[in-house]
Amino acid sequence: MSEYPTFQHGKSRFDQNTFSGRFRHFLDVIDPSTLFVTEKRLQECVELIDRFKQGTLPPGVTDAQLWQAQKIKQAIIHPDTGEKILMPFRMSGFIPFGTPVVVGLLLPNQTLASTIFWQWLNQSHNACVNYSNRNASKPAPVSKFVQGYLGAVTSAVSIAVGLNVLIQKASGFSPTTRLLVQRFIPFPAVASANVCNVVLMRHSELSEGISVLDDHGNVVGTSKVAARHALLETALTRVVLPMPILVLPPMIMTALENRLPLLQRRRRLVLPIHSLVCLAAFGLALPLAISLFPQMSEISVSQLEPEIAMATDCKIVTYNKGL
């Protein structure tokens, strides 16, 4: 396949039926260069895509230009609401804006206050990213967002503080072992809170359903079954996402600190090296986790409600699972 295949509106230029295709697609999605796109350039991209849909493209427009225009539009504009997503909450901004928070979460020798602060800041950022990239085919009140946010913060802080207290009281740990174990506390706290966040913020989809689309992108109905699939896929992604981010850096930093005399002599180098390790882990983990499932997931009509089957001749329909 050539680098730029024939342009298809609303589709990815990479095969979404394979993990490698989705991985390459999401490397495009998280490309931070789209954070620097000007308003003028964004409008040019939106206009170019609109003219493609209307069949009025000017001569000389290439597939590469169309794919790039769609990449920019999708990075900035929400597919359901048509509104611009704030820069810190775009998928392309998740790594640059999220890495400082990850570094804070994994700082050694955390106090009670710093543990609460970093867990709160992390869940605040996650909640805003979840809400900004939600499935908005069915409107939900802001109270759902607040409920999910408070639930996530409460669960994250409770688990992190609770585990810290238990480890401090554990008499069987040496000081070195206690410090090592404490470095891994953020993962169970963040993973549990991420699931809580997604479920509380989007549980209304379970009762109201989400839109399902036919082969031509037309809405054929609203399905609660598709909503359950969407939330399950998103929750699993949110568990996998923090795993390499919050597990690998503590392992790598422990090994480096034990084996590199330079880090033992010059402790001021630990933080910048720790930050680089977190950045590398974050950059790898994000596209891997969100590539587990395609953004537009497919489901057999036979698995859905009878009214969906009556509304379309398609055997397979799609739905936006959200992020």
Protein backbone atom coordinates (compact mmCIF):
# COMPACT_ATOMS: atom_id res chain seq x y z
CA MET A 1 0.00 0.00 0.00
CA SER A 2 1.33 3.45 -0.89
CA GLU A 3 1.91 5.99 1.84
CA TYR A 4 -1.19 7.93 0.82
CA PRO A 5 -3.98 5.71 -0.54
CA THR A 6 -7.07 7.12 -2.24
CA PHE A 7 -8.74 9.51 0.18
CA GLN A 8 -11.88 8.36 1.97
CA HIS A 9 -13.78 10.86 4.09
CA GLY A 10 -14.15 9.84 7.74
CA LYS A 11 -11.85 6.85 7.32
CA SER A 12 -8.28 6.22 8.39
CA ARG A 13 -5.55 5.82 5.80
CA PHE A 14 -4.35 2.85 7.84
CA ASP A 15 -6.14 -0.50 8.13
CA GLN A 16 -8.29 -0.28 11.27
CA ASN A 17 -8.86 -4.03 11.32
CA THR A 18 -5.28 -4.65 12.42
CA PHE A 19 -3.46 -3.59 15.57
CA SER A 20 -0.50 -2.27 13.59
CA GLY A 21 -2.81 -0.18 11.43
CA ARG A 22 -4.55 1.29 14.46
CA PHE A 23 -1.17 1.91 16.13
CA ARG A 24 0.05 3.90 13.11
CA HIS A 25 -3.29 5.72 13.01
CA PHE A 26 -3.05 6.77 16.65
CA LEU A 27 0.52 7.93 16.21
CA ASP A 28 -1.12 10.40 13.83
CA VAL A 29 -3.85 11.18 16.40
CA ILE A 30 -1.38 12.04 19.17
CA ASP A 31 1.00 13.94 16.87
CA PRO A 32 1.74 17.09 18.94
CA SER A 33 2.50 19.12 15.82
CA THR A 34 -1.26 19.64 15.38
CA LEU A 35 -1.22 21.72 18.58
CA PHE A 36 0.52 24.46 16.61
CA VAL A 37 -1.97 24.63 13.73
CA THR A 38 -3.22 28.18 13.24
CA GLU A 39 -6.89 29.10 13.02
CA LYS A 40 -6.42 30.03 9.38
CA ARG A 41 -4.88 26.65 8.58
CA LEU A 42 -7.68 24.85 10.44
CA GLN A 43 -10.35 26.69 8.47
CA GLU A 44 -8.56 25.84 5.22
CA CYS A 45 -8.59 22.15 6.19
CA VAL A 46 -12.27 22.23 7.16
CA GLU A 47 -13.15 23.99 3.89
CA LEU A 48 -11.12 21.50 1.86
CA ILE A 49 -12.93 18.54 3.45
CA ASP A 50 -16.30 20.26 2.95
CA ARG A 51 -15.54 20.83 -0.73
CA PHE A 52 -14.56 17.17 -1.08
CA LYS A 53 -17.94 16.13 0.34
CA GLN A 54 -19.71 18.53 -2.02
CA GLY A 55 -17.72 17.30 -5.01
CA THR A 56 -16.32 20.76 -5.75
CA LEU A 57 -12.59 20.20 -5.16
CA PRO A 58 -10.31 22.54 -7.12
CA PRO A 59 -8.03 20.84 -9.65
CA GLY A 60 -4.64 19.65 -8.44
CA VAL A 61 -5.63 18.69 -4.89
CA THR A 62 -3.79 15.48 -3.96
CA ASP A 63 -4.75 12.60 -1.70
CA ALA A 64 -1.89 13.60 0.59
CA GLN A 65 -3.40 17.07 1.05
CA LEU A 66 -6.82 15.61 1.79
CA TRP A 67 -5.47 13.12 4.34
CA GLN A 68 -3.47 15.88 6.05
CA ALA A 69 -6.50 18.18 6.13
CA GLN A 70 -8.62 15.46 7.71
CA LYS A 71 -5.89 14.69 10.26
CA ILE A 72 -5.81 18.32 11.37
CA LYS A 73 -9.60 18.62 11.51
CA GLN A 74 -10.01 15.42 13.53
CA ALA A 75 -7.25 16.42 15.95
CA ILE A 76 -8.95 19.70 16.83
CA ILE A 77 -12.68 19.36 16.10
CA HIS A 78 -14.92 16.96 18.06
CA PRO A 79 -16.57 14.53 15.58
CA ASP A 80 -20.00 14.68 17.25
CA THR A 81 -20.31 18.31 18.44
CA GLY A 82 -18.27 20.01 15.70
CA GLU A 83 -16.66 22.22 18.37
CA LYS A 84 -12.97 22.84 18.99
CA ILE A 85 -11.44 20.79 21.81
CA LEU A 86 -9.33 22.83 24.22
CA MET A 87 -5.62 22.25 23.61
CA PRO A 88 -4.71 20.53 26.95
CA PHE A 89 -7.56 18.05 26.49
CA ARG A 90 -6.93 17.01 22.88
CA MET A 91 -5.41 13.58 22.31
CA SER A 92 -2.49 15.36 20.63
CA GLY A 93 -1.93 17.28 23.87
CA PHE A 94 -2.29 14.35 26.23
CA ILE A 95 1.43 13.51 26.35
CA PRO A 96 2.94 17.03 26.57
CA PHE A 97 0.38 18.18 29.14
CA GLY A 98 0.16 14.86 30.99
CA THR A 99 3.84 14.01 31.38
CA PRO A 100 4.52 16.59 34.17
CA VAL A 101 1.62 15.05 36.11
CA VAL A 102 3.04 11.54 35.66
CA VAL A 103 6.42 12.74 36.89
CA GLY A 104 4.72 14.19 39.97
CA LEU A 105 2.80 10.98 40.64
CA LEU A 106 6.01 8.95 40.60
CA LEU A 107 8.16 11.24 42.76
CA PRO A 108 9.76 9.22 45.58
CA ASN A 109 9.20 9.94 49.28
CA GLN A 110 5.73 11.40 48.79
CA THR A 111 4.06 13.11 51.74
CA LEU A 112 0.34 12.74 52.43
CA ALA A 113 -0.29 16.21 51.01
CA SER A 114 1.74 15.62 47.84
CA THR A 115 0.05 12.24 47.26
CA ILE A 116 -3.38 13.86 47.45
CA PHE A 117 -2.32 16.79 45.24
CA TRP A 118 -0.86 14.73 42.41
CA GLN A 119 -3.72 12.23 42.42
CA TRP A 120 -6.21 15.10 42.33
CA LEU A 121 -4.36 16.86 39.50
CA ASN A 122 -4.08 13.63 37.48
CA GLN A 123 -7.77 12.81 37.80
CA SER A 124 -8.72 16.41 37.01
CA HIS A 125 -6.75 16.19 33.76
CA ASN A 126 -8.12 12.72 32.94
CA ALA A 127 -11.70 13.78 33.60
CA CYS A 128 -11.38 16.75 31.26
CA VAL A 129 -9.81 14.57 28.54
CA ASN A 130 -12.57 11.96 28.96
CA TYR A 131 -15.31 14.58 28.75
CA SER A 132 -13.74 16.42 25.81
CA ASN A 133 -13.39 13.19 23.81
CA ARG A 134 -16.63 11.53 24.92
CA ASN A 135 -19.24 10.05 22.63
CA ALA A 136 -21.51 13.10 22.26
CA SER A 137 -24.04 11.62 19.86
CA LYS A 138 -26.44 11.78 22.81
CA PRO A 139 -26.21 14.94 24.97
CA ALA A 140 -25.58 14.43 28.70
CA PRO A 141 -25.91 17.00 31.52
CA VAL A 142 -22.79 18.55 33.04
CA SER A 143 -23.81 16.98 36.37
CA LYS A 144 -22.72 13.62 34.95
CA PHE A 145 -19.27 15.06 34.34
CA VAL A 146 -19.10 16.42 37.90
CA GLN A 147 -20.27 13.09 39.33
CA GLY A 148 -17.62 11.18 37.43
CA TYR A 149 -14.92 13.65 38.38
CA LEU A 150 -15.70 13.54 42.09
CA GLY A 151 -15.94 9.74 42.04
CA ALA A 152 -12.58 9.41 40.31
CA VAL A 153 -10.81 11.84 42.63
CA THR A 154 -12.29 10.14 45.71
CA SER A 155 -11.32 6.64 44.57
CA ALA A 156 -7.80 7.63 43.48
CA VAL A 157 -6.99 9.54 46.65
CA SER A 158 -8.54 6.88 48.91
CA ILE A 159 -6.62 4.01 47.31
CA ALA A 160 -3.30 5.88 47.13
CA VAL A 161 -3.49 7.18 50.71
CA GLY A 162 -4.79 3.85 52.03
CA LEU A 163 -1.98 1.85 50.43
CA ASN A 164 0.62 4.35 51.62
CA VAL A 165 -0.64 4.04 55.20
CA LEU A 166 -0.62 0.25 55.01
CA ILE A 167 2.95 0.17 53.71
CA GLN A 168 4.14 2.62 56.36
CA LYS A 169 2.65 0.38 59.05
CA ALA A 170 4.04 -2.84 57.54
CA SER A 171 6.82 -3.94 59.90
CA GLY A 172 8.21 -6.60 57.55
CA PHE A 173 9.57 -4.12 55.00
CA SER A 174 13.08 -2.71 55.09
CA PRO A 175 13.35 1.03 54.31
CA THR A 176 14.64 0.22 50.80
CA THR A 177 11.84 -2.25 50.08
CA ARG A 178 9.24 0.14 51.48
CA LEU A 179 10.45 2.92 49.15
CA LEU A 180 10.40 0.55 46.17
CA VAL A 181 6.85 -0.66 46.89
CA GLN A 182 5.63 2.90 47.40
CA ARG A 183 6.79 3.78 43.90
CA PHE A 184 4.23 1.34 42.45
CA ILE A 185 1.24 2.63 44.44
CA PRO A 186 0.12 5.13 41.76
CA PHE A 187 -0.79 2.34 39.29
CA PRO A 188 -3.62 0.60 41.21
CA ALA A 189 -4.90 3.99 42.38
CA VAL A 190 -4.92 5.52 38.89
CA ALA A 191 -6.23 2.40 37.10
CA SER A 192 -9.16 2.01 39.54
CA ALA A 193 -9.97 5.70 39.38
CA ASN A 194 -9.83 5.72 35.57
CA VAL A 195 -12.47 2.99 35.40
CA CYS A 196 -14.57 4.79 38.01
CA ASN A 197 -14.24 8.03 36.05
CA VAL A 198 -15.38 6.48 32.76
CA VAL A 199 -18.30 4.57 34.28
CA LEU A 200 -19.64 7.47 36.36
CA MET A 201 -19.28 10.04 33.59
CA ARG A 202 -20.80 7.89 30.86
CA HIS A 203 -23.21 5.57 32.68
CA SER A 204 -26.15 7.49 31.19
CA GLU A 205 -25.20 5.92 27.85
CA LEU A 206 -26.17 2.53 29.32
CA SER A 207 -29.75 3.66 29.85
CA GLU A 208 -30.07 5.97 26.85
CA GLY A 209 -27.90 4.13 24.30
CA ILE A 210 -25.56 5.52 21.65
CA SER A 211 -26.02 6.04 17.93
CA VAL A 212 -25.09 3.24 15.54
CA LEU A 213 -24.25 3.94 11.89
CA ASP A 214 -24.62 2.05 8.62
CA ASP A 215 -21.99 1.66 5.87
CA HIS A 216 -22.67 5.19 4.63
CA GLY A 217 -22.32 6.85 8.04
CA ASN A 218 -26.07 7.35 8.48
CA VAL A 219 -27.59 6.88 11.95
CA VAL A 220 -29.89 3.86 11.94
CA GLY A 221 -30.87 3.92 15.58
CA THR A 222 -29.82 4.10 19.22
CA SER A 223 -28.50 1.00 20.96
CA LYS A 224 -27.95 0.20 24.65
CA VAL A 225 -26.05 -2.96 23.67
CA ALA A 226 -23.57 -0.90 21.65
CA ALA A 227 -23.25 1.45 24.64
CA ARG A 228 -22.23 -1.46 26.89
CA HIS A 229 -19.61 -2.56 24.37
CA ALA A 230 -18.30 1.03 24.06
CA LEU A 231 -17.93 1.49 27.82
CA LEU A 232 -16.27 -1.90 28.31
CA GLU A 233 -13.72 -1.17 25.58
CA THR A 234 -13.00 2.29 26.96
CA ALA A 235 -12.65 1.03 30.55
CA LEU A 236 -10.20 -1.67 29.45
CA THR A 237 -8.18 0.93 27.57
CA ARG A 238 -8.08 3.10 30.70
CA VAL A 239 -6.69 0.19 32.75
CA VAL A 240 -4.01 -0.71 30.20
CA LEU A 241 -2.97 2.90 29.58
CA PRO A 242 -1.38 3.66 32.98
CA MET A 243 0.29 0.25 33.26
CA PRO A 244 3.53 0.94 31.34
CA ILE A 245 3.44 4.61 32.32
CA LEU A 246 3.33 3.97 36.07
CA VAL A 247 5.07 0.58 36.27
CA LEU A 248 8.03 0.86 33.88
CA PRO A 249 9.53 4.17 35.14
CA PRO A 250 9.83 2.99 38.78
CA MET A 251 11.54 -0.21 37.61
CA ILE A 252 13.90 1.65 35.27
CA MET A 253 14.73 4.38 37.79
CA THR A 254 15.42 1.85 40.57
CA ALA A 255 17.82 0.00 38.28
CA LEU A 256 19.54 3.23 37.16
CA GLU A 257 19.90 4.58 40.69
CA ASN A 258 21.39 1.30 41.92
CA ARG A 259 23.79 0.81 39.01
CA LEU A 260 24.88 4.31 38.07
CA PRO A 261 27.28 5.87 40.61
CA LEU A 262 26.76 9.23 38.88
CA LEU A 263 23.10 9.32 40.00
CA GLN A 264 24.11 8.36 43.53
CA ARG A 265 26.64 11.21 43.68
CA ARG A 266 24.57 13.85 41.87
CA ARG A 267 20.99 13.51 43.07
CA ARG A 268 19.96 16.62 41.13
CA LEU A 269 20.19 14.55 37.93
CA VAL A 270 17.53 12.11 39.14
CA LEU A 271 14.54 14.38 38.40
CA PRO A 272 15.44 15.29 34.78
CA ILE A 273 16.33 11.66 33.96
CA HIS A 274 13.12 10.53 35.69
CA SER A 275 11.18 13.01 33.53
CA LEU A 276 12.75 11.69 30.31
CA VAL A 277 11.94 8.09 31.31
CA CYS A 278 8.32 9.05 32.05
CA LEU A 279 8.04 10.91 28.73
CA ALA A 280 9.34 7.89 26.81
CA ALA A 281 7.01 5.49 28.64
CA PHE A 282 4.03 7.82 28.12
CA GLY A 283 4.77 8.25 24.43
CA LEU A 284 4.85 4.49 23.94
CA ALA A 285 1.92 3.57 26.18
CA LEU A 286 -0.68 6.01 24.88
CA PRO A 287 -0.83 4.82 21.24
CA LEU A 288 -0.52 1.17 22.35
CA ALA A 289 -3.44 1.43 24.76
CA ILE A 290 -5.82 3.35 22.52
CA SER A 291 -4.97 1.02 19.63
CA LEU A 292 -6.53 -1.95 21.43
CA PHE A 293 -9.89 -1.14 19.86
CA PRO A 294 -10.77 0.94 16.79
CA GLN A 295 -12.32 4.35 17.44
CA MET A 296 -15.28 3.34 15.30
CA SER A 297 -16.04 -0.20 16.48
CA GLU A 298 -18.11 -2.69 14.51
CA ILE A 299 -20.88 -4.89 15.86
CA SER A 300 -23.21 -7.40 14.24
CA VAL A 301 -26.79 -6.22 13.86
CA SER A 302 -27.92 -9.61 15.19
CA GLN A 303 -26.43 -8.70 18.58
CA LEU A 304 -28.41 -5.46 18.81
CA GLU A 305 -32.01 -4.57 19.56
CA PRO A 306 -34.70 -5.81 17.11
CA GLU A 307 -35.60 -2.26 16.08
CA ILE A 308 -32.04 -1.73 14.81
CA ALA A 309 -32.29 -4.81 12.60
CA MET A 310 -35.61 -3.54 11.21
CA ALA A 311 -34.12 -0.14 10.40
CA THR A 312 -31.25 -1.32 8.18
CA ASP A 313 -30.30 -4.01 5.69
CA CYS A 314 -26.68 -3.96 6.87
CA LYS A 315 -25.26 -7.00 8.62
CA ILE A 316 -22.65 -4.91 10.47
CA VAL A 317 -23.04 -1.42 11.98
CA THR A 318 -20.52 0.84 13.65
CA TYR A 319 -20.45 3.06 16.74
CA ASN A 320 -18.11 5.65 18.16
CA LYS A 321 -16.75 4.13 21.37
CA GLY A 322 -15.26 7.40 22.58
CA LEU A 323 -11.96 7.72 24.41
